[in-house]
Amino acid sequence: MGAPRIVPTRGIPYPTGDPELSSEQERAWRRQLVERALHALATPVTEPTVFDGDPVE
């Protein structure tokens, strides 16, 4: 695909939120995902790079 930055995540089976998570857990998961994506965007890359796990502070 030629994607320079890859932020893996789970699929989106429930677009309005995972019913198995409390609202606090869902919010924490979404925040972690957004922080990882922002870290990926702020990191210079020269080849396809997978950003898996927590962002480095």
PDB file of N, CA and C in Angstrom:
ATOM      1  N   MET A   1       0.815  -1.195   0.000  1.00  0.00           N
ATOM      2  CA  MET A   1       0.000   0.000   0.000  1.00  0.00           C
ATOM      3  C   MET A   1       0.859   1.259   0.000  1.00  0.00           C
ATOM      4  N   GLY A   2       2.059   1.186   0.510  1.00  0.00           N
ATOM      5  CA  GLY A   2       2.906   2.357   0.559  1.00  0.00           C
ATOM      6  C   GLY A   2       2.598   3.289   1.719  1.00  0.00           C
ATOM      7  N   ALA A   3       1.920   2.804   2.744  1.00  0.00           N
ATOM      8  CA  ALA A   3       1.607   3.638   3.906  1.00  0.00           C
ATOM      9  C   ALA A   3       2.873   3.839   4.732  1.00  0.00           C
ATOM     10  N   PRO A   4       3.308   5.092   4.932  1.00  0.00           N
ATOM     11  CA  PRO A   4       4.539   5.317   5.675  1.00  0.00           C
ATOM     12  C   PRO A   4       4.391   5.113   7.177  1.00  0.00           C
ATOM     13  N   ARG A   5       3.190   5.305   7.706  1.00  0.00           N
ATOM     14  CA  ARG A   5       2.965   5.138   9.146  1.00  0.00           C
ATOM     15  C   ARG A   5       1.763   4.218   9.353  1.00  0.00           C
ATOM     16  N   ILE A   6       1.965   3.195  10.165  1.00  0.00           N
ATOM     17  CA  ILE A   6       0.908   2.223  10.414  1.00  0.00           C
ATOM     18  C   ILE A   6       0.654   2.180  11.919  1.00  0.00           C
ATOM     19  N   VAL A   7      -0.589   2.441  12.315  1.00  0.00           N
ATOM     20  CA  VAL A   7      -0.990   2.377  13.715  1.00  0.00           C
ATOM     21  C   VAL A   7      -2.043   1.279  13.821  1.00  0.00           C
ATOM     22  N   PRO A   8      -1.602   0.049  14.173  1.00  0.00           N
ATOM     23  CA  PRO A   8      -2.577  -1.040  14.237  1.00  0.00           C
ATOM     24  C   PRO A   8      -3.565  -0.848  15.393  1.00  0.00           C
ATOM     25  N   THR A   9      -4.756  -1.308  15.168  1.00  0.00           N
ATOM     26  CA  THR A   9      -5.804  -1.234  16.183  1.00  0.00           C
ATOM     27  C   THR A   9      -6.763  -2.389  15.949  1.00  0.00           C
ATOM     28  N   ARG A  10      -7.760  -2.500  16.773  1.00  0.00           N
ATOM     29  CA  ARG A  10      -8.765  -3.539  16.552  1.00  0.00           C
ATOM     30  C   ARG A  10      -9.760  -3.056  15.510  1.00  0.00           C
ATOM     31  N   GLY A  11     -10.545  -3.949  15.004  1.00  0.00           N
ATOM     32  CA  GLY A  11     -11.569  -3.572  14.034  1.00  0.00           C
ATOM     33  C   GLY A  11     -12.623  -2.695  14.670  1.00  0.00           C
ATOM     34  N   ILE A  12     -13.574  -2.255  13.879  1.00  0.00           N
ATOM     35  CA  ILE A  12     -14.631  -1.387  14.394  1.00  0.00           C
ATOM     36  C   ILE A  12     -15.978  -2.107  14.233  1.00  0.00           C
ATOM     37  N   PRO A  13     -16.227  -3.138  15.058  1.00  0.00           N
ATOM     38  CA  PRO A  13     -17.500  -3.839  14.940  1.00  0.00           C
ATOM     39  C   PRO A  13     -18.663  -3.046  15.533  1.00  0.00           C
ATOM     40  N   TYR A  14     -18.358  -2.095  16.425  1.00  0.00           N
ATOM     41  CA  TYR A  14     -19.391  -1.295  17.066  1.00  0.00           C
ATOM     42  C   TYR A  14     -19.049   0.188  16.882  1.00  0.00           C
ATOM     43  N   PRO A  15     -19.533   0.834  15.822  1.00  0.00           N
ATOM     44  CA  PRO A  15     -19.160   2.227  15.561  1.00  0.00           C
ATOM     45  C   PRO A  15     -19.533   3.201  16.673  1.00  0.00           C
ATOM     46  N   THR A  16     -20.509   2.853  17.494  1.00  0.00           N
ATOM     47  CA  THR A  16     -20.910   3.765  18.566  1.00  0.00           C
ATOM     48  C   THR A  16     -20.296   3.401  19.910  1.00  0.00           C
ATOM     49  N   GLY A  17     -19.386   2.439  19.936  1.00  0.00           N
ATOM     50  CA  GLY A  17     -18.727   2.060  21.178  1.00  0.00           C
ATOM     51  C   GLY A  17     -18.880   0.580  21.462  1.00  0.00           C
ATOM     52  N   ASP A  18     -17.867   0.003  22.094  1.00  0.00           N
ATOM     53  CA  ASP A  18     -17.862  -1.419  22.441  1.00  0.00           C
ATOM     54  C   ASP A  18     -18.774  -1.660  23.640  1.00  0.00           C
ATOM     55  N   PRO A  19     -19.834  -2.440  23.502  1.00  0.00           N
ATOM     56  CA  PRO A  19     -20.763  -2.648  24.610  1.00  0.00           C
ATOM     57  C   PRO A  19     -20.156  -3.447  25.768  1.00  0.00           C
ATOM     58  N   GLU A  20     -19.009  -4.084  25.537  1.00  0.00           N
ATOM     59  CA  GLU A  20     -18.359  -4.854  26.600  1.00  0.00           C
ATOM     60  C   GLU A  20     -17.470  -3.984  27.488  1.00  0.00           C
ATOM     61  N   LEU A  21     -17.266  -2.719  27.099  1.00  0.00           N
ATOM     62  CA  LEU A  21     -16.440  -1.807  27.892  1.00  0.00           C
ATOM     63  C   LEU A  21     -17.319  -0.769  28.574  1.00  0.00           C
ATOM     64  N   SER A  22     -16.891  -0.377  29.765  1.00  0.00           N
ATOM     65  CA  SER A  22     -17.590   0.735  30.419  1.00  0.00           C
ATOM     66  C   SER A  22     -17.244   2.011  29.660  1.00  0.00           C
ATOM     67  N   SER A  23     -17.986   3.058  29.893  1.00  0.00           N
ATOM     68  CA  SER A  23     -17.707   4.310  29.180  1.00  0.00           C
ATOM     69  C   SER A  23     -16.311   4.836  29.519  1.00  0.00           C
ATOM     70  N   GLU A  24     -15.839   4.620  30.746  1.00  0.00           N
ATOM     71  CA  GLU A  24     -14.494   5.052  31.133  1.00  0.00           C
ATOM     72  C   GLU A  24     -13.429   4.244  30.396  1.00  0.00           C
ATOM     73  N   GLN A  25     -13.641   2.937  30.265  1.00  0.00           N
ATOM     74  CA  GLN A  25     -12.685   2.086  29.546  1.00  0.00           C
ATOM     75  C   GLN A  25     -12.647   2.436  28.065  1.00  0.00           C
ATOM     76  N   GLU A  26     -13.812   2.686  27.485  1.00  0.00           N
ATOM     77  CA  GLU A  26     -13.890   3.061  26.074  1.00  0.00           C
ATOM     78  C   GLU A  26     -13.168   4.380  25.834  1.00  0.00           C
ATOM     79  N   ARG A  27     -13.381   5.343  26.711  1.00  0.00           N
ATOM     80  CA  ARG A  27     -12.719   6.647  26.582  1.00  0.00           C
ATOM     81  C   ARG A  27     -11.201   6.501  26.705  1.00  0.00           C
ATOM     82  N   ALA A  28     -10.732   5.684  27.656  1.00  0.00           N
ATOM     83  CA  ALA A  28      -9.293   5.469  27.830  1.00  0.00           C
ATOM     84  C   ALA A  28      -8.691   4.793  26.604  1.00  0.00           C
ATOM     85  N   TRP A  29      -9.390   3.802  26.034  1.00  0.00           N
ATOM     86  CA  TRP A  29      -8.887   3.112  24.846  1.00  0.00           C
ATOM     87  C   TRP A  29      -8.800   4.079  23.669  1.00  0.00           C
ATOM     88  N   ARG A  30      -9.835   4.882  23.479  1.00  0.00           N
ATOM     89  CA  ARG A  30      -9.833   5.838  22.362  1.00  0.00           C
ATOM     90  C   ARG A  30      -8.743   6.891  22.534  1.00  0.00           C
ATOM     91  N   ARG A  31      -8.558   7.358  23.750  1.00  0.00           N
ATOM     92  CA  ARG A  31      -7.510   8.362  23.998  1.00  0.00           C
ATOM     93  C   ARG A  31      -6.129   7.781  23.695  1.00  0.00           C
ATOM     94  N   GLN A  32      -5.888   6.540  24.138  1.00  0.00           N
ATOM     95  CA  GLN A  32      -4.601   5.891  23.890  1.00  0.00           C
ATOM     96  C   GLN A  32      -4.359   5.747  22.391  1.00  0.00           C
ATOM     97  N   LEU A  33      -5.389   5.411  21.645  1.00  0.00           N
ATOM     98  CA  LEU A  33      -5.273   5.259  20.197  1.00  0.00           C
ATOM     99  C   LEU A  33      -4.946   6.598  19.532  1.00  0.00           C
ATOM    100  N   VAL A  34      -5.619   7.659  19.944  1.00  0.00           N
ATOM    101  CA  VAL A  34      -5.359   8.987  19.375  1.00  0.00           C
ATOM    102  C   VAL A  34      -3.946   9.449  19.723  1.00  0.00           C
ATOM    103  N   GLU A  35      -3.499   9.204  20.956  1.00  0.00           N
ATOM    104  CA  GLU A  35      -2.142   9.588  21.343  1.00  0.00           C
ATOM    105  C   GLU A  35      -1.099   8.831  20.525  1.00  0.00           C
ATOM    106  N   ARG A  36      -1.343   7.549  20.281  1.00  0.00           N
ATOM    107  CA  ARG A  36      -0.412   6.759  19.466  1.00  0.00           C
ATOM    108  C   ARG A  36      -0.379   7.291  18.030  1.00  0.00           C
ATOM    109  N   ALA A  37      -1.543   7.651  17.493  1.00  0.00           N
ATOM    110  CA  ALA A  37      -1.603   8.190  16.133  1.00  0.00           C
ATOM    111  C   ALA A  37      -0.891   9.538  16.044  1.00  0.00           C
ATOM    112  N   LEU A  38      -1.066  10.400  17.045  1.00  0.00           N
ATOM    113  CA  LEU A  38      -0.377  11.686  17.044  1.00  0.00           C
ATOM    114  C   LEU A  38       1.132  11.502  17.140  1.00  0.00           C
ATOM    115  N   HIS A  39       1.568  10.547  17.943  1.00  0.00           N
ATOM    116  CA  HIS A  39       3.000  10.230  18.040  1.00  0.00           C
ATOM    117  C   HIS A  39       3.521   9.772  16.678  1.00  0.00           C
ATOM    118  N   ALA A  40       2.763   8.941  15.993  1.00  0.00           N
ATOM    119  CA  ALA A  40       3.178   8.462  14.672  1.00  0.00           C
ATOM    120  C   ALA A  40       3.298   9.620  13.690  1.00  0.00           C
ATOM    121  N   LEU A  41       2.350  10.545  13.713  1.00  0.00           N
ATOM    122  CA  LEU A  41       2.390  11.689  12.799  1.00  0.00           C
ATOM    123  C   LEU A  41       3.564  12.621  13.100  1.00  0.00           C
ATOM    124  N   ALA A  42       3.956  12.719  14.361  1.00  0.00           N
ATOM    125  CA  ALA A  42       5.032  13.627  14.754  1.00  0.00           C
ATOM    126  C   ALA A  42       6.419  13.008  14.586  1.00  0.00           C
ATOM    127  N   THR A  43       6.489  11.720  14.262  1.00  0.00           N
ATOM    128  CA  THR A  43       7.759  11.034  14.124  1.00  0.00           C
ATOM    129  C   THR A  43       8.189  11.001  12.661  1.00  0.00           C
ATOM    130  N   PRO A  44       9.384  11.547  12.361  1.00  0.00           N
ATOM    131  CA  PRO A  44       9.863  11.473  10.979  1.00  0.00           C
ATOM    132  C   PRO A  44      10.175  10.016  10.607  1.00  0.00           C
ATOM    133  N   VAL A  45       9.746   9.597   9.432  1.00  0.00           N
ATOM    134  CA  VAL A  45      10.028   8.242   8.958  1.00  0.00           C
ATOM    135  C   VAL A  45      10.522   8.308   7.519  1.00  0.00           C
ATOM    136  N   THR A  46      11.330   7.315   7.141  1.00  0.00           N
ATOM    137  CA  THR A  46      11.828   7.235   5.771  1.00  0.00           C
ATOM    138  C   THR A  46      11.349   5.972   5.071  1.00  0.00           C
ATOM    139  N   GLU A  47      10.743   5.094   5.824  1.00  0.00           N
ATOM    140  CA  GLU A  47      10.212   3.846   5.276  1.00  0.00           C
ATOM    141  C   GLU A  47       8.974   3.474   6.067  1.00  0.00           C
ATOM    142  N   PRO A  48       8.165   2.531   5.603  1.00  0.00           N
ATOM    143  CA  PRO A  48       6.982   2.135   6.364  1.00  0.00           C
ATOM    144  C   PRO A  48       7.358   1.722   7.794  1.00  0.00           C
ATOM    145  N   THR A  49       6.665   2.302   8.768  1.00  0.00           N
ATOM    146  CA  THR A  49       6.962   2.086  10.176  1.00  0.00           C
ATOM    147  C   THR A  49       5.671   1.745  10.908  1.00  0.00           C
ATOM    148  N   VAL A  50       5.723   0.704  11.731  1.00  0.00           N
ATOM    149  CA  VAL A  50       4.563   0.296  12.528  1.00  0.00           C
ATOM    150  C   VAL A  50       4.708   0.888  13.918  1.00  0.00           C
ATOM    151  N   PHE A  51       3.704   1.626  14.347  1.00  0.00           N
ATOM    152  CA  PHE A  51       3.675   2.211  15.688  1.00  0.00           C
ATOM    153  C   PHE A  51       2.720   1.374  16.529  1.00  0.00           C
ATOM    154  N   ASP A  52       3.269   0.388  17.206  1.00  0.00           N
ATOM    155  CA  ASP A  52       2.466  -0.536  18.002  1.00  0.00           C
ATOM    156  C   ASP A  52       2.790  -0.317  19.463  1.00  0.00           C
ATOM    157  N   GLY A  53       1.778  -0.272  20.316  1.00  0.00           N
ATOM    158  CA  GLY A  53       1.988  -0.079  21.732  1.00  0.00           C
ATOM    159  C   GLY A  53       1.820   1.373  22.139  1.00  0.00           C
ATOM    160  N   ASP A  54       2.193   1.681  23.361  1.00  0.00           N
ATOM    161  CA  ASP A  54       2.028   3.030  23.902  1.00  0.00           C
ATOM    162  C   ASP A  54       3.027   3.978  23.266  1.00  0.00           C
ATOM    163  N   PRO A  55       2.624   5.233  23.052  1.00  0.00           N
ATOM    164  CA  PRO A  55       3.567   6.209  22.504  1.00  0.00           C
ATOM    165  C   PRO A  55       4.648   6.533  23.516  1.00  0.00           C
ATOM    166  N   VAL A  56       5.819   6.809  23.038  1.00  0.00           N
ATOM    167  CA  VAL A  56       6.941   7.171  23.905  1.00  0.00           C
ATOM    168  C   VAL A  56       6.788   8.631  24.266  1.00  0.00           C
ATOM    169  N   GLU A  57       6.854   8.934  25.546  1.00  0.00           N
ATOM    170  CA  GLU A  57       6.691  10.329  25.996  1.00  0.00           C
ATOM    171  C   GLU A  57       7.996  11.055  25.901  1.00  0.00           C
TER     172      GLU A  57
END
